[in-house]
Amino acid sequence: MKRSLDIFIATFALIILSPIFLFVCCKVRKNLGSPVFFYQERPGKNAKIFKMIKFRSMLDSVDKQGNPLPDDQRITPFGHKLRSTSLDEMPQLINVLKGDMSIVGPRPQMKDFLEHYTPHQMRRHEVKPGMTGLAQVSGRNNLSWEEKFDLDVEYVEKQTILIDFKIMFKTVKVMVTKEGINSPDQMVGAERFTSTPIEKPKTAHENKI
C-alpha cells in the first residue's frame, strides 16, 4: 500500500508541479549553466547505494589543481534561495517513481556516514529513505545528528500510513514557515557527522558529585 501511495503521490505531484519544475530548470540553466541536475550517491534501504537527484545549487568552480572549491565558495545567492525553499529537492520525485526512495522516510545522508553509525543508528536503513521524514518536521536543522537519527529509528519502529500522512501535512507547514531551515546545523560548509560521542565513564569522585 505504501508503494502504491508513493507512485500515486509522486505522479500527481509531478503533474501539478510541472510548471514550477520547468521554471526552476530554466532558472538553474540561466544562473548555473548545464547540467541542470545534480546526481549524488546516497545509501538507501539496506544501505544499497543509489543516485539521488537534485537541482544544482552550486557552481563547478575548481582550484588550480582541479579540485572543487569548498561548498561555501561555490554556492550562489540563487543556490541559497533554492535550498531555503527546498525546491532543489523536487527532482527526488523521480527517485520515488524509480523505487529508490519513498515520499516519507529517513532522509538519505552521505554514504561516508555509514562507517560512523552505531548499530542503533544503522536501523534507519531498514526502510527506504524519504523526501521528508519525522526529523524534518520535528526541528529539522535545529536538531543534532544524534537527535535526527533517533527520530529516524523511531519512525522505522512506528511507521504506519497514518503517520506518513501526518508527516506529509506537517512538511507543508515547515516549508511554508521555513521552520528550522536557517539554523547553522547542516547548512553549506557545516560540520559533517563523524561519529556519536561515547560518554566517558564517571570516576568514583565524579559519581559522588
C-alpha atoms as a PDB file:
ATOM      1  CA  MET A   1       0.000   0.000   0.000  1.00  0.00           C
ATOM      2  CA  LYS A   2       2.851   2.392   0.838  1.00  0.00           C
ATOM      3  CA  ARG A   3       4.465   1.792  -2.553  1.00  0.00           C
ATOM      4  CA  SER A   4       1.159   2.382  -4.355  1.00  0.00           C
ATOM      5  CA  LEU A   5       0.699   5.661  -2.472  1.00  0.00           C
ATOM      6  CA  ASP A   6       4.260   6.697  -3.297  1.00  0.00           C
ATOM      7  CA  ILE A   7       3.648   6.173  -7.018  1.00  0.00           C
ATOM      8  CA  PHE A   8       0.299   7.975  -6.914  1.00  0.00           C
ATOM      9  CA  ILE A   9       1.564  10.968  -4.913  1.00  0.00           C
ATOM     10  CA  ALA A  10       4.808  11.327  -6.905  1.00  0.00           C
ATOM     11  CA  THR A  11       2.963  11.153 -10.232  1.00  0.00           C
ATOM     12  CA  PHE A  12       0.287  13.602  -9.091  1.00  0.00           C
ATOM     13  CA  ALA A  13       2.900  15.983  -7.673  1.00  0.00           C
ATOM     14  CA  LEU A  14       4.990  15.949 -10.863  1.00  0.00           C
ATOM     15  CA  ILE A  15       1.911  16.751 -12.951  1.00  0.00           C
ATOM     16  CA  ILE A  16       0.679  19.534 -10.669  1.00  0.00           C
ATOM     17  CA  LEU A  17       4.156  20.974 -10.096  1.00  0.00           C
ATOM     18  CA  SER A  18       5.333  20.628 -13.710  1.00  0.00           C
ATOM     19  CA  PRO A  19       5.142  24.421 -14.381  1.00  0.00           C
ATOM     20  CA  ILE A  20       7.301  25.090 -11.295  1.00  0.00           C
ATOM     21  CA  PHE A  21       9.607  22.203 -12.242  1.00  0.00           C
ATOM     22  CA  LEU A  22      10.188  23.663 -15.713  1.00  0.00           C
ATOM     23  CA  PHE A  23      10.581  27.189 -14.306  1.00  0.00           C
ATOM     24  CA  VAL A  24      13.286  26.033 -11.874  1.00  0.00           C
ATOM     25  CA  CYS A  25      15.012  24.133 -14.699  1.00  0.00           C
ATOM     26  CA  CYS A  26      15.209  27.358 -16.696  1.00  0.00           C
ATOM     27  CA  LYS A  27      16.444  29.387 -13.707  1.00  0.00           C
ATOM     28  CA  VAL A  28      19.151  26.838 -12.875  1.00  0.00           C
ATOM     29  CA  ARG A  29      20.272  26.789 -16.513  1.00  0.00           C
ATOM     30  CA  LYS A  30      20.377  30.606 -16.600  1.00  0.00           C
ATOM     31  CA  ASN A  31      22.183  31.048 -13.273  1.00  0.00           C
ATOM     32  CA  LEU A  32      24.443  27.998 -13.134  1.00  0.00           C
ATOM     33  CA  GLY A  33      24.562  26.622 -16.662  1.00  0.00           C
ATOM     34  CA  SER A  34      24.404  22.948 -17.589  1.00  0.00           C
ATOM     35  CA  PRO A  35      23.769  20.371 -16.320  1.00  0.00           C
ATOM     36  CA  VAL A  36      20.568  21.338 -14.545  1.00  0.00           C
ATOM     37  CA  PHE A  37      20.503  18.267 -12.312  1.00  0.00           C
ATOM     38  CA  PHE A  38      22.997  17.121  -9.696  1.00  0.00           C
ATOM     39  CA  TYR A  39      23.426  13.410  -9.005  1.00  0.00           C
ATOM     40  CA  GLN A  40      24.923  12.170  -5.769  1.00  0.00           C
ATOM     41  CA  GLU A  41      25.374   8.643  -4.449  1.00  0.00           C
ATOM     42  CA  ARG A  42      23.458   8.024  -1.226  1.00  0.00           C
ATOM     43  CA  PRO A  43      22.710   4.841   0.753  1.00  0.00           C
ATOM     44  CA  GLY A  44      19.106   3.665   0.562  1.00  0.00           C
ATOM     45  CA  LYS A  45      17.258   0.684   2.002  1.00  0.00           C
ATOM     46  CA  ASN A  46      19.685  -1.893   3.396  1.00  0.00           C
ATOM     47  CA  ALA A  47      22.417   0.684   2.701  1.00  0.00           C
ATOM     48  CA  LYS A  48      22.234  -0.048  -1.040  1.00  0.00           C
ATOM     49  CA  ILE A  49      23.748   2.880  -2.967  1.00  0.00           C
ATOM     50  CA  PHE A  50      21.573   4.817  -5.410  1.00  0.00           C
ATOM     51  CA  LYS A  51      21.917   8.132  -7.240  1.00  0.00           C
ATOM     52  CA  MET A  52      19.794  10.853  -5.643  1.00  0.00           C
ATOM     53  CA  ILE A  53      18.665  13.629  -7.999  1.00  0.00           C
ATOM     54  CA  LYS A  54      18.574  17.316  -7.052  1.00  0.00           C
ATOM     55  CA  PHE A  55      18.561  20.631  -8.856  1.00  0.00           C
ATOM     56  CA  ARG A  56      22.052  22.125  -8.953  1.00  0.00           C
ATOM     57  CA  SER A  57      22.667  24.907  -6.436  1.00  0.00           C
ATOM     58  CA  MET A  58      26.450  25.311  -6.823  1.00  0.00           C
ATOM     59  CA  LEU A  59      28.957  26.325  -9.459  1.00  0.00           C
ATOM     60  CA  ASP A  60      31.563  23.864 -10.741  1.00  0.00           C
ATOM     61  CA  SER A  61      34.451  26.119  -9.653  1.00  0.00           C
ATOM     62  CA  VAL A  62      37.795  24.381  -9.037  1.00  0.00           C
ATOM     63  CA  ASP A  63      41.219  25.380  -7.698  1.00  0.00           C
ATOM     64  CA  LYS A  64      44.493  25.394  -9.654  1.00  0.00           C
ATOM     65  CA  GLN A  65      44.879  21.651  -9.061  1.00  0.00           C
ATOM     66  CA  GLY A  66      41.421  20.959 -10.487  1.00  0.00           C
ATOM     67  CA  ASN A  67      39.824  20.140  -7.120  1.00  0.00           C
ATOM     68  CA  PRO A  68      36.338  21.522  -6.353  1.00  0.00           C
ATOM     69  CA  LEU A  69      36.381  24.608  -4.145  1.00  0.00           C
ATOM     70  CA  PRO A  70      34.686  24.410  -0.709  1.00  0.00           C
ATOM     71  CA  ASP A  71      30.889  24.408  -0.829  1.00  0.00           C
ATOM     72  CA  ASP A  72      30.575  27.885   0.710  1.00  0.00           C
ATOM     73  CA  GLN A  73      32.710  29.293  -2.131  1.00  0.00           C
ATOM     74  CA  ARG A  74      30.714  27.606  -4.886  1.00  0.00           C
ATOM     75  CA  ILE A  75      27.134  28.240  -3.790  1.00  0.00           C
ATOM     76  CA  THR A  76      25.490  31.363  -5.229  1.00  0.00           C
ATOM     77  CA  PRO A  77      22.740  33.621  -3.813  1.00  0.00           C
ATOM     78  CA  PHE A  78      20.413  31.847  -6.226  1.00  0.00           C
ATOM     79  CA  GLY A  79      21.549  28.493  -4.823  1.00  0.00           C
ATOM     80  CA  HIS A  80      20.901  29.669  -1.253  1.00  0.00           C
ATOM     81  CA  LYS A  81      17.392  30.742  -2.210  1.00  0.00           C
ATOM     82  CA  LEU A  82      16.748  27.451  -3.990  1.00  0.00           C
ATOM     83  CA  ARG A  83      17.776  25.483  -0.905  1.00  0.00           C
ATOM     84  CA  SER A  84      15.815  27.670   1.506  1.00  0.00           C
ATOM     85  CA  THR A  85      12.613  26.900  -0.399  1.00  0.00           C
ATOM     86  CA  SER A  86      13.502  23.172  -0.656  1.00  0.00           C
ATOM     87  CA  LEU A  87      12.770  23.369  -4.394  1.00  0.00           C
ATOM     88  CA  ASP A  88      16.168  21.775  -5.061  1.00  0.00           C
ATOM     89  CA  GLU A  89      14.677  18.536  -3.670  1.00  0.00           C
ATOM     90  CA  MET A  90      11.834  18.377  -6.209  1.00  0.00           C
ATOM     91  CA  PRO A  91      13.607  16.027  -8.679  1.00  0.00           C
ATOM     92  CA  GLN A  92      13.619  13.354  -5.979  1.00  0.00           C
ATOM     93  CA  LEU A  93      10.033  12.649  -7.038  1.00  0.00           C
ATOM     94  CA  ILE A  94      11.742  10.818  -9.909  1.00  0.00           C
ATOM     95  CA  ASN A  95      13.688   8.752  -7.358  1.00  0.00           C
ATOM     96  CA  VAL A  96      10.356   7.864  -5.738  1.00  0.00           C
ATOM     97  CA  LEU A  97       8.910   6.675  -9.053  1.00  0.00           C
ATOM     98  CA  LYS A  98      12.045   4.615  -9.680  1.00  0.00           C
ATOM     99  CA  GLY A  99      11.645   2.946  -6.287  1.00  0.00           C
ATOM    100  CA  ASP A 100      14.884   4.291  -4.797  1.00  0.00           C
ATOM    101  CA  MET A 101      13.025   6.463  -2.298  1.00  0.00           C
ATOM    102  CA  SER A 102       9.664   6.896  -0.625  1.00  0.00           C
ATOM    103  CA  ILE A 103       7.716  10.104  -0.010  1.00  0.00           C
ATOM    104  CA  VAL A 104       8.190   9.618   3.747  1.00  0.00           C
ATOM    105  CA  GLY A 105      11.192   8.003   5.400  1.00  0.00           C
ATOM    106  CA  PRO A 106      14.595   8.845   6.907  1.00  0.00           C
ATOM    107  CA  ARG A 107      16.412  11.400   4.763  1.00  0.00           C
ATOM    108  CA  PRO A 108      19.268   9.813   2.750  1.00  0.00           C
ATOM    109  CA  GLN A 109      22.598  11.033   4.098  1.00  0.00           C
ATOM    110  CA  MET A 110      26.138  10.971   2.691  1.00  0.00           C
ATOM    111  CA  LYS A 111      27.462   7.466   2.079  1.00  0.00           C
ATOM    112  CA  ASP A 112      30.584   8.122   4.178  1.00  0.00           C
ATOM    113  CA  PHE A 113      28.269   8.389   7.207  1.00  0.00           C
ATOM    114  CA  LEU A 114      27.782   4.605   7.075  1.00  0.00           C
ATOM    115  CA  GLU A 115      31.096   3.811   8.738  1.00  0.00           C
ATOM    116  CA  HIS A 116      30.279   6.091  11.675  1.00  0.00           C
ATOM    117  CA  TYR A 117      26.762   4.887  12.580  1.00  0.00           C
ATOM    118  CA  THR A 118      26.136   2.931  15.749  1.00  0.00           C
ATOM    119  CA  PRO A 119      24.146  -0.328  15.311  1.00  0.00           C
ATOM    120  CA  HIS A 120      21.088   1.560  16.593  1.00  0.00           C
ATOM    121  CA  GLN A 121      21.530   4.400  14.090  1.00  0.00           C
ATOM    122  CA  MET A 122      22.099   1.907  11.275  1.00  0.00           C
ATOM    123  CA  ARG A 123      18.486   0.804  11.705  1.00  0.00           C
ATOM    124  CA  ARG A 124      17.430   3.904   9.765  1.00  0.00           C
ATOM    125  CA  HIS A 125      18.341   1.891   6.659  1.00  0.00           C
ATOM    126  CA  GLU A 126      15.737  -0.799   7.335  1.00  0.00           C
ATOM    127  CA  VAL A 127      13.278   1.200   5.211  1.00  0.00           C
ATOM    128  CA  LYS A 128      13.534   3.269   2.035  1.00  0.00           C
ATOM    129  CA  PRO A 129      14.806   6.824   2.546  1.00  0.00           C
ATOM    130  CA  GLY A 130      12.248   9.584   2.119  1.00  0.00           C
ATOM    131  CA  MET A 131      11.868  13.052   0.660  1.00  0.00           C
ATOM    132  CA  THR A 132      10.662  14.081   4.098  1.00  0.00           C
ATOM    133  CA  GLY A 133      10.678  12.387   7.460  1.00  0.00           C
ATOM    134  CA  LEU A 134       9.988  12.618  11.161  1.00  0.00           C
ATOM    135  CA  ALA A 135      13.219  14.547  11.803  1.00  0.00           C
ATOM    136  CA  GLN A 136      12.327  17.121   9.135  1.00  0.00           C
ATOM    137  CA  VAL A 137       9.055  18.009  10.881  1.00  0.00           C
ATOM    138  CA  SER A 138      10.469  17.806  14.416  1.00  0.00           C
ATOM    139  CA  GLY A 139      13.068  20.538  14.288  1.00  0.00           C
ATOM    140  CA  ARG A 140      14.988  19.822  11.102  1.00  0.00           C
ATOM    141  CA  ASN A 141      18.341  21.664  11.205  1.00  0.00           C
ATOM    142  CA  ASN A 142      17.837  22.705  14.827  1.00  0.00           C
ATOM    143  CA  LEU A 143      18.486  19.086  15.837  1.00  0.00           C
ATOM    144  CA  SER A 144      21.834  17.421  16.411  1.00  0.00           C
ATOM    145  CA  TRP A 145      22.806  14.494  14.192  1.00  0.00           C
ATOM    146  CA  GLU A 146      22.115  12.096  17.062  1.00  0.00           C
ATOM    147  CA  GLU A 147      18.632  13.527  17.610  1.00  0.00           C
ATOM    148  CA  LYS A 148      17.837  13.225  13.910  1.00  0.00           C
ATOM    149  CA  PHE A 149      18.970   9.619  13.759  1.00  0.00           C
ATOM    150  CA  ASP A 150      16.980   8.750  16.898  1.00  0.00           C
ATOM    151  CA  LEU A 151      13.872  10.161  15.221  1.00  0.00           C
ATOM    152  CA  ASP A 152      14.666   8.178  12.064  1.00  0.00           C
ATOM    153  CA  VAL A 153      14.794   4.941  14.071  1.00  0.00           C
ATOM    154  CA  GLU A 154      11.604   5.922  15.906  1.00  0.00           C
ATOM    155  CA  TYR A 155       9.907   6.246  12.522  1.00  0.00           C
ATOM    156  CA  VAL A 156      11.207   2.818  11.472  1.00  0.00           C
ATOM    157  CA  GLU A 157       9.722   1.277  14.612  1.00  0.00           C
ATOM    158  CA  LYS A 158       6.355   3.047  14.493  1.00  0.00           C
ATOM    159  CA  GLN A 159       5.670   3.700  10.792  1.00  0.00           C
ATOM    160  CA  THR A 160       2.089   3.488   9.572  1.00  0.00           C
ATOM    161  CA  ILE A 161       0.219   5.061   6.667  1.00  0.00           C
ATOM    162  CA  LEU A 162      -1.471   7.415   9.146  1.00  0.00           C
ATOM    163  CA  ILE A 163       1.891   8.592  10.477  1.00  0.00           C
ATOM    164  CA  ASP A 164       3.084   9.121   6.886  1.00  0.00           C
ATOM    165  CA  PHE A 165       0.122  11.397   6.144  1.00  0.00           C
ATOM    166  CA  LYS A 166       0.698  13.356   9.373  1.00  0.00           C
ATOM    167  CA  ILE A 167       4.342  13.895   8.396  1.00  0.00           C
ATOM    168  CA  MET A 168       3.355  14.989   4.873  1.00  0.00           C
ATOM    169  CA  PHE A 169       0.892  17.574   6.209  1.00  0.00           C
ATOM    170  CA  LYS A 170       3.444  18.854   8.728  1.00  0.00           C
ATOM    171  CA  THR A 171       6.033  19.078   5.947  1.00  0.00           C
ATOM    172  CA  VAL A 172       3.858  21.581   4.096  1.00  0.00           C
ATOM    173  CA  LYS A 173       3.722  23.747   7.231  1.00  0.00           C
ATOM    174  CA  VAL A 174       7.509  23.536   7.693  1.00  0.00           C
ATOM    175  CA  MET A 175       8.130  24.520   4.074  1.00  0.00           C
ATOM    176  CA  VAL A 176       5.746  27.486   4.284  1.00  0.00           C
ATOM    177  CA  THR A 177       7.186  28.790   7.570  1.00  0.00           C
ATOM    178  CA  LYS A 178      10.783  27.726   6.732  1.00  0.00           C
ATOM    179  CA  GLU A 179      10.968  26.371  10.270  1.00  0.00           C
ATOM    180  CA  GLY A 180      14.445  25.081  11.141  1.00  0.00           C
ATOM    181  CA  ILE A 181      15.939  25.800   7.703  1.00  0.00           C
ATOM    182  CA  ASN A 182      18.139  28.751   8.616  1.00  0.00           C
ATOM    183  CA  SER A 183      19.841  27.099  11.580  1.00  0.00           C
ATOM    184  CA  PRO A 184      23.648  26.776  11.294  1.00  0.00           C
ATOM    185  CA  ASP A 185      23.476  22.990  11.570  1.00  0.00           C
ATOM    186  CA  GLN A 186      23.750  21.206   8.223  1.00  0.00           C
ATOM    187  CA  MET A 187      23.965  24.423   6.186  1.00  0.00           C
ATOM    188  CA  VAL A 188      26.566  24.891   3.460  1.00  0.00           C
ATOM    189  CA  GLY A 189      30.004  24.185   4.876  1.00  0.00           C
ATOM    190  CA  ALA A 190      28.573  22.804   8.129  1.00  0.00           C
ATOM    191  CA  GLU A 191      30.370  20.039  10.004  1.00  0.00           C
ATOM    192  CA  ARG A 192      29.526  16.547   8.818  1.00  0.00           C
ATOM    193  CA  PHE A 193      28.591  13.657  11.038  1.00  0.00           C
ATOM    194  CA  THR A 194      31.693  11.705  12.046  1.00  0.00           C
ATOM    195  CA  SER A 195      30.566   9.590  14.998  1.00  0.00           C
ATOM    196  CA  THR A 196      28.331   9.615  18.041  1.00  0.00           C
ATOM    197  CA  PRO A 197      30.351  10.657  21.086  1.00  0.00           C
ATOM    198  CA  ILE A 198      30.738   7.873  23.623  1.00  0.00           C
ATOM    199  CA  GLU A 199      30.067   9.097  27.124  1.00  0.00           C
ATOM    200  CA  LYS A 200      33.173   8.802  29.287  1.00  0.00           C
ATOM    201  CA  PRO A 201      32.588   6.565  32.337  1.00  0.00           C
ATOM    202  CA  LYS A 202      32.412   8.555  35.529  1.00  0.00           C
ATOM    203  CA  THR A 203      35.058   8.075  38.197  1.00  0.00           C
ATOM    204  CA  ALA A 204      34.120   7.372  41.784  1.00  0.00           C
ATOM    205  CA  HIS A 205      34.786  11.015  42.619  1.00  0.00           C
ATOM    206  CA  GLU A 206      32.584  12.235  39.797  1.00  0.00           C
ATOM    207  CA  ASN A 207      29.767   9.923  40.864  1.00  0.00           C
ATOM    208  CA  LYS A 208      29.811  11.383  44.353  1.00  0.00           C
ATOM    209  CA  ILE A 209      29.495  14.883  42.880  1.00  0.00           C
END
